Amino acid sequence: MKALVKLEKGVGHVELKTDWPKPAVKQGWVLVEVFGCGICGTDLHILEDTHKNWPPVVLGHEYTGRIVEVASDVTNWKVGDRVVCEQHTLACLTCDACRRGAIHLCQAKRSPGWGIDGAFADFVTLPANLLHKVPDGVPFLAAAVCEPTAICITGLDRVALQVGEKVLVVGPGPIGLITALLAKASGASSVTVIGRSSSKERLELAKKLGIKTYELKNGVNPIDELGDSFDVAIDSTGAGESLSLAVSMTRRLGRVLELGLANGPEVQFALNSAMTRSLAVHFSMSSEYSSWDRALAFMASGKYDPTKLTSVYSLDDWQSAFHDVESRKVVKAIITPKDAASLDQVK
């Protein structure tokens, strides 16, 4: 089968193989025919060898597809089911996080796409206990965005977003725009996304999707134009100055959420501003179990449609897809080993 593989440690060493072995089903697992898999920043970091990985390994962890084979001991799934899958494979189940039910925070887990073979391929094997059924009516293209959507829902749960609240999102990247769409669909009275001039096209897209936008200007303090009364402010970038900006624009006793990862081990942060405002500052990593079904249900309701953020590429054209993501030409690139029209299937 075809598979995009990180062959060895070091910068690069990623190749599209045409003779990669088709994975075999083992007890408790299913074999899934891949319809779509999104590119995450993690994939770029694996290409650059700045994220942990265990080569040789097939890349890709934001996937959806159809079950084509089930192990003999799997009774609650059948051939033909459309599925997505959580990323918490090989969680140890014995550490403190796992014992608390937070397997998504297990340090021992080996997620598909870097720890075990992922889904930039024709087929992928997945553990049955981490699967979620894609509802009829939800196209594969939307389901391919379920993993980042679940991450954003888990984050919004951390800040307990309430109907009618004003929300600020710093950074119009994939996570920022998904969070903004979710907040708007969840009843926020207003959602504003702010970004630099380099993100002008993404800000224009957000505006077309009904989100208020603000372009940062040199020498202009956004507080002077937007105020500092947001109930919830969310940073999706992981940059210290962006988190500090979110803090400075949040009302007293408001809440701040960090959804981004920093490029280094430390960032500078406006602690005194957060302290004097008595803010609740939350950090959220990965996704909880319940967020997945809610993400799919939200898609099925018609209130949230992530497909407008997507651009589709063939697996053969993976280099163009990676380039366009890295150069910020697209928001969310979806790679498919099939024809693009297959992503429109809804049952």
Protein backbone atom coordinates (compact mmCIF):
# COMPACT_ATOMS: atom_id res chain seq x y z
CA MET A 1 0.00 0.00 0.00
CA LYS A 2 0.97 3.67 -0.20
CA ALA A 3 2.18 5.30 3.01
CA LEU A 4 4.02 8.51 3.94
CA VAL A 5 6.81 7.34 6.23
CA LYS A 6 9.40 8.94 8.48
CA LEU A 7 12.19 6.47 7.76
CA GLU A 8 14.85 7.52 10.26
CA LYS A 9 15.79 10.19 12.75
CA GLY A 10 17.06 13.53 11.52
CA VAL A 11 15.76 16.41 9.43
CA GLY A 12 13.75 15.11 6.48
CA HIS A 13 13.85 11.37 5.79
CA VAL A 14 10.13 11.41 4.91
CA GLU A 15 9.14 9.51 1.79
CA LEU A 16 5.98 8.26 0.12
CA LYS A 17 6.41 4.49 -0.12
CA THR A 18 4.32 2.51 -2.58
CA ASP A 19 5.15 -0.92 -1.18
CA TRP A 20 4.59 -0.38 2.54
CA PRO A 21 3.11 -3.48 4.20
CA LYS A 22 -0.63 -3.37 4.74
CA PRO A 23 -1.17 -3.56 8.52
CA ALA A 24 -2.62 -6.73 10.01
CA VAL A 25 -5.46 -6.67 12.52
CA LYS A 26 -4.64 -7.82 16.04
CA GLN A 27 -6.94 -8.65 18.93
CA GLY A 28 -8.99 -5.68 20.08
CA TRP A 29 -8.23 -3.67 16.93
CA VAL A 30 -9.85 -2.92 13.57
CA LEU A 31 -8.52 -2.21 10.10
CA VAL A 32 -9.71 1.10 8.63
CA GLU A 33 -9.62 2.23 5.02
CA VAL A 34 -8.45 5.84 5.22
CA PHE A 35 -10.56 8.49 3.50
CA GLY A 36 -8.91 11.62 4.87
CA CYS A 37 -6.17 12.73 7.27
CA GLY A 38 -5.37 16.30 8.26
CA ILE A 39 -1.90 17.82 8.50
CA CYS A 40 -1.05 19.06 11.99
CA GLY A 41 1.86 21.25 13.03
CA THR A 42 3.21 18.10 14.68
CA ASP A 43 3.68 16.54 11.25
CA LEU A 44 5.84 19.48 10.17
CA HIS A 45 7.85 19.15 13.37
CA ILE A 46 8.40 15.45 12.73
CA LEU A 47 9.63 16.31 9.25
CA GLU A 48 12.04 18.77 10.89
CA ASP A 49 12.81 16.23 13.64
CA THR A 50 11.80 18.66 16.39
CA HIS A 51 9.00 16.44 17.74
CA LYS A 52 9.46 13.00 19.26
CA ASN A 53 9.03 10.10 16.84
CA TRP A 54 9.91 6.42 16.56
CA PRO A 55 10.87 5.73 12.93
CA PRO A 56 10.20 4.00 10.74
CA VAL A 57 6.66 5.26 11.30
CA VAL A 58 3.75 6.27 9.07
CA LEU A 59 2.77 9.89 9.72
CA GLY A 60 -0.73 11.30 10.19
CA HIS A 61 -2.99 11.41 13.25
CA GLU A 62 -6.11 13.45 12.30
CA TYR A 63 -7.96 10.79 10.37
CA THR A 64 -11.28 9.31 9.40
CA GLY A 65 -12.26 6.26 7.38
CA ARG A 66 -14.35 3.14 7.06
CA ILE A 67 -13.81 -0.17 8.86
CA VAL A 68 -12.91 -2.99 6.47
CA GLU A 69 -11.94 -5.70 8.97
CA VAL A 70 -12.47 -6.37 12.69
CA ALA A 71 -10.62 -8.69 15.04
CA SER A 72 -12.49 -11.77 16.24
CA ASP A 73 -12.90 -10.36 19.75
CA VAL A 74 -14.36 -7.00 18.62
CA THR A 75 -18.15 -7.20 18.88
CA ASN A 76 -19.33 -3.58 19.00
CA TRP A 77 -18.00 -2.52 15.59
CA LYS A 78 -18.65 -3.91 12.12
CA VAL A 79 -17.31 -3.69 8.60
CA GLY A 80 -18.69 -0.57 6.91
CA ASP A 81 -18.83 1.64 10.02
CA ARG A 82 -17.45 5.14 9.47
CA VAL A 83 -15.16 6.12 12.33
CA VAL A 84 -12.69 8.51 13.88
CA CYS A 85 -10.32 7.54 16.68
CA GLU A 86 -8.80 9.12 19.77
CA GLN A 87 -5.03 9.51 19.90
CA HIS A 88 -4.28 7.87 23.23
CA THR A 89 -2.95 4.52 22.00
CA LEU A 90 -0.76 2.52 24.39
CA ALA A 91 -1.60 4.67 27.42
CA CYS A 92 -0.16 2.82 30.40
CA LEU A 93 -3.41 2.82 32.47
CA THR A 94 -1.34 2.74 35.67
CA CYS A 95 0.09 6.28 36.05
CA ASP A 96 -1.64 8.97 38.10
CA ALA A 97 -3.17 10.63 35.02
CA CYS A 98 -4.54 7.35 33.66
CA ARG A 99 -5.91 6.34 37.07
CA ARG A 100 -7.77 9.66 37.16
CA GLY A 101 -9.30 8.88 33.77
CA ALA A 102 -7.07 11.35 31.91
CA ILE A 103 -5.47 8.88 29.51
CA HIS A 104 -4.97 11.76 27.07
CA LEU A 105 -2.31 13.09 29.44
CA CYS A 106 -0.43 9.82 29.89
CA GLN A 107 3.27 10.42 29.30
CA ALA A 108 3.76 6.85 28.10
CA LYS A 109 1.17 6.91 25.31
CA ARG A 110 2.34 6.38 21.74
CA SER A 111 -0.09 8.12 19.43
CA PRO A 112 -0.54 7.13 15.77
CA GLY A 113 1.54 9.25 13.44
CA TRP A 114 4.65 9.42 15.60
CA GLY A 115 4.58 6.63 18.19
CA ILE A 116 2.93 3.97 16.02
CA ASP A 117 1.87 3.95 12.36
CA GLY A 118 -0.63 6.64 11.43
CA ALA A 119 -3.00 7.41 8.58
CA PHE A 120 -1.20 9.13 5.73
CA ALA A 121 -1.73 5.78 4.05
CA ASP A 122 -4.31 3.59 2.37
CA PHE A 123 -5.06 1.70 5.61
CA VAL A 124 -4.46 2.06 9.34
CA THR A 125 -5.12 -0.26 12.29
CA LEU A 126 -6.84 1.27 15.30
CA PRO A 127 -7.86 0.10 18.79
CA ALA A 128 -11.61 -0.53 18.97
CA ASN A 129 -11.91 0.98 22.44
CA LEU A 130 -10.88 4.45 21.15
CA LEU A 131 -13.19 4.60 18.12
CA HIS A 132 -16.13 6.95 17.65
CA LYS A 133 -18.86 6.52 15.04
CA VAL A 134 -19.27 9.27 12.46
CA PRO A 135 -23.00 10.14 12.25
CA ASP A 136 -24.85 9.83 8.97
CA GLY A 137 -24.98 13.23 7.33
CA VAL A 138 -21.47 14.23 8.39
CA PRO A 139 -19.11 14.05 5.39
CA PHE A 140 -15.70 12.47 5.73
CA LEU A 141 -14.19 15.90 5.04
CA ALA A 142 -15.70 17.30 8.23
CA ALA A 143 -14.89 14.16 10.24
CA ALA A 144 -11.22 14.56 9.29
CA VAL A 145 -11.25 17.71 11.45
CA CYS A 146 -12.71 15.90 14.47
CA GLU A 147 -9.40 15.56 16.34
CA PRO A 148 -8.53 19.29 16.46
CA THR A 149 -12.21 20.05 17.10
CA ALA A 150 -12.17 17.74 20.15
CA ILE A 151 -9.03 19.50 21.39
CA CYS A 152 -10.79 22.87 21.17
CA ILE A 153 -13.95 21.57 22.87
CA THR A 154 -11.85 20.20 25.73
CA GLY A 155 -10.25 23.63 26.08
CA LEU A 156 -13.57 25.46 26.07
CA ASP A 157 -14.77 23.08 28.77
CA ARG A 158 -11.81 24.19 30.90
CA VAL A 159 -13.02 27.79 30.85
CA ALA A 160 -16.70 26.85 31.14
CA LEU A 161 -17.86 29.14 28.35
CA GLN A 162 -21.36 30.47 29.01
CA VAL A 163 -24.07 31.67 26.64
CA GLY A 164 -23.84 35.41 26.02
CA GLU A 165 -20.19 35.86 26.93
CA LYS A 166 -17.70 37.89 24.89
CA VAL A 167 -14.81 35.84 23.55
CA LEU A 168 -11.41 36.89 22.21
CA VAL A 169 -9.19 34.51 20.22
CA VAL A 170 -5.55 35.43 19.62
CA GLY A 171 -4.18 33.82 16.46
CA PRO A 172 -6.16 32.82 13.33
CA GLY A 173 -4.46 29.45 12.84
CA PRO A 174 -6.43 26.19 12.60
CA ILE A 175 -6.93 25.86 16.37
CA GLY A 176 -7.80 29.53 16.73
CA LEU A 177 -10.37 29.52 13.94
CA ILE A 178 -11.91 26.21 15.04
CA THR A 179 -12.23 27.55 18.58
CA ALA A 180 -13.80 30.76 17.31
CA LEU A 181 -16.39 28.83 15.27
CA LEU A 182 -17.19 26.60 18.24
CA ALA A 183 -17.55 29.56 20.61
CA LYS A 184 -19.87 31.33 18.17
CA ALA A 185 -21.97 28.20 17.68
CA SER A 186 -22.10 27.67 21.45
CA GLY A 187 -23.85 30.95 22.12
CA ALA A 188 -21.12 33.52 22.72
CA SER A 189 -22.57 36.99 22.20
CA SER A 190 -19.51 38.00 20.20
CA VAL A 191 -16.30 36.34 19.06
CA THR A 192 -13.30 38.37 17.90
CA VAL A 193 -10.18 36.90 16.30
CA ILE A 194 -7.05 39.03 16.21
CA GLY A 195 -3.87 38.44 14.23
CA ARG A 196 -0.91 40.04 12.52
CA SER A 197 -0.91 41.45 8.98
CA SER A 198 0.78 38.22 7.85
CA SER A 199 -2.52 36.49 8.67
CA LYS A 200 -4.65 38.87 6.59
CA GLU A 201 -6.08 36.09 4.38
CA ARG A 202 -7.03 33.99 7.39
CA LEU A 203 -8.66 37.00 9.04
CA GLU A 204 -10.63 37.57 5.83
CA LEU A 205 -11.79 33.95 5.93
CA ALA A 206 -12.87 34.34 9.55
CA LYS A 207 -14.87 37.44 8.61
CA LYS A 208 -16.62 35.52 5.83
CA LEU A 209 -17.57 32.89 8.44
CA GLY A 210 -19.26 35.50 10.61
CA ILE A 211 -16.42 36.10 13.07
CA LYS A 212 -15.32 39.61 14.02
CA THR A 213 -11.68 40.25 13.22
CA TYR A 214 -8.94 42.71 14.16
CA GLU A 215 -5.58 43.15 12.48
CA LEU A 216 -2.77 44.16 14.83
CA LYS A 217 -1.08 47.41 13.83
CA ASN A 218 2.40 48.65 14.68
CA GLY A 219 2.28 51.29 17.38
CA VAL A 220 -1.42 50.76 18.11
CA ASN A 221 -2.56 49.12 21.34
CA PRO A 222 -5.54 46.86 20.52
CA ILE A 223 -6.99 47.61 23.95
CA ASP A 224 -7.58 51.20 22.81
CA GLU A 225 -9.84 49.90 20.03
CA LEU A 226 -11.27 46.66 21.42
CA GLY A 227 -11.22 47.31 25.16
CA ASP A 228 -10.25 44.99 28.01
CA SER A 229 -13.64 43.56 28.92
CA PHE A 230 -13.67 40.13 27.27
CA ASP A 231 -15.13 37.42 29.50
CA VAL A 232 -12.90 34.74 27.97
CA ALA A 233 -9.65 35.24 26.06
CA ILE A 234 -7.97 32.34 24.27
CA ASP A 235 -4.42 32.19 22.96
CA SER A 236 -3.91 29.60 20.21
CA THR A 237 -0.30 30.48 19.39
CA GLY A 238 1.82 29.46 22.38
CA ALA A 239 3.76 32.74 22.20
CA GLY A 240 4.34 34.55 25.48
CA GLU A 241 3.43 37.95 24.06
CA SER A 242 0.16 36.53 22.71
CA LEU A 243 -0.78 35.01 26.04
CA SER A 244 0.10 38.30 27.74
CA LEU A 245 -2.09 40.15 25.22
CA ALA A 246 -4.98 37.80 26.01
CA VAL A 247 -4.48 38.51 29.71
CA SER A 248 -4.45 42.28 29.20
CA MET A 249 -7.75 42.21 27.28
CA THR A 250 -9.69 40.11 29.78
CA ARG A 251 -12.06 41.65 32.33
CA ARG A 252 -11.42 41.41 36.05
CA LEU A 253 -12.30 37.93 37.31
CA GLY A 254 -12.36 36.71 33.71
CA ARG A 255 -10.83 33.52 32.30
CA VAL A 256 -7.89 32.93 29.99
CA LEU A 257 -7.17 29.75 28.04
CA GLU A 258 -3.86 28.67 26.49
CA LEU A 259 -4.24 26.20 23.61
CA GLY A 260 -0.85 26.63 21.96
CA LEU A 261 2.57 25.10 22.51
CA ALA A 262 5.65 27.31 22.76
CA ASN A 263 8.61 26.94 20.44
CA GLY A 264 10.94 26.73 23.43
CA PRO A 265 10.86 25.50 27.03
CA GLU A 266 9.90 28.91 28.47
CA VAL A 267 8.04 32.08 27.51
CA GLN A 268 7.70 35.48 29.16
CA PHE A 269 4.28 36.01 30.65
CA ALA A 270 2.49 39.06 32.14
CA LEU A 271 2.00 37.49 35.56
CA ASN A 272 1.30 40.74 37.40
CA SER A 273 -1.44 41.69 34.95
CA ALA A 274 -3.12 38.32 35.44
CA MET A 275 -2.67 38.61 39.21
CA THR A 276 -4.08 42.12 39.62
CA ARG A 277 -7.08 41.14 37.49
CA SER A 278 -7.54 37.98 39.57
CA LEU A 279 -7.87 35.94 36.40
CA ALA A 280 -8.33 32.20 36.12
CA VAL A 281 -5.66 31.06 33.65
CA HIS A 282 -6.14 27.57 32.20
CA PHE A 283 -3.94 25.35 30.09
CA SER A 284 -5.47 22.55 28.05
CA MET A 285 -3.67 19.70 26.30
CA SER A 286 -5.09 17.09 23.94
CA SER A 287 -8.72 15.92 24.11
CA GLU A 288 -11.01 14.13 26.53
CA TYR A 289 -13.20 11.18 25.56
CA SER A 290 -16.52 13.04 25.70
CA SER A 291 -15.26 15.82 23.42
CA TRP A 292 -15.16 13.49 20.40
CA ASP A 293 -18.82 12.50 20.35
CA ARG A 294 -19.81 16.10 21.06
CA ALA A 295 -17.65 17.30 18.16
CA LEU A 296 -19.37 14.87 15.81
CA ALA A 297 -22.82 15.71 17.19
CA PHE A 298 -22.15 19.42 16.69
CA MET A 299 -21.21 18.73 13.07
CA ALA A 300 -24.36 16.64 12.59
CA SER A 301 -26.51 19.45 14.02
CA GLY A 302 -25.41 21.79 11.25
CA LYS A 303 -24.34 24.45 13.76
CA TYR A 304 -20.64 23.84 13.18
CA ASP A 305 -19.05 23.19 9.79
CA PRO A 306 -15.25 22.96 9.69
CA THR A 307 -15.11 22.07 5.99
CA LYS A 308 -14.82 25.75 5.05
CA LEU A 309 -11.37 25.73 6.67
CA THR A 310 -10.13 22.79 4.61
CA SER A 311 -8.16 22.31 1.41
CA VAL A 312 -7.85 18.80 -0.07
CA TYR A 313 -4.68 17.20 -1.47
CA SER A 314 -3.94 13.73 -2.79
CA LEU A 315 -1.49 11.54 -0.91
CA ASP A 316 0.74 11.65 -4.00
CA ASP A 317 0.85 15.45 -3.65
CA TRP A 318 1.86 15.42 0.03
CA GLN A 319 4.84 17.73 -0.51
CA SER A 320 2.62 20.50 -1.87
CA ALA A 321 0.27 20.02 1.07
CA PHE A 322 3.08 20.28 3.61
CA HIS A 323 4.52 23.32 1.83
CA ASP A 324 1.17 25.13 1.75
CA VAL A 325 0.61 24.49 5.45
CA GLU A 326 4.10 25.66 6.39
CA SER A 327 3.79 28.79 4.23
CA ARG A 328 0.32 29.49 5.69
CA LYS A 329 -1.25 29.36 2.25
CA VAL A 330 -4.04 27.15 3.62
CA VAL A 331 -5.65 26.76 7.04
CA LYS A 332 -6.33 23.04 7.23
CA ALA A 333 -4.89 20.66 4.63
CA ILE A 334 -6.59 17.27 4.31
CA ILE A 335 -4.68 14.51 2.54
CA THR A 336 -6.62 11.67 0.95
CA PRO A 337 -5.31 8.45 -0.60
CA LYS A 338 -8.56 8.27 -2.58
CA ASP A 339 -10.23 10.66 -5.01
CA ALA A 340 -11.32 13.97 -3.51
CA ALA A 341 -15.01 13.28 -4.17
CA SER A 342 -14.91 10.37 -1.69
CA LEU A 343 -14.62 12.89 1.13
CA ASP A 344 -18.18 14.03 0.39
CA GLN A 345 -19.68 10.68 1.44
CA VAL A 346 -22.10 11.11 4.35
CA LYS A 347 -22.98 7.50 5.20
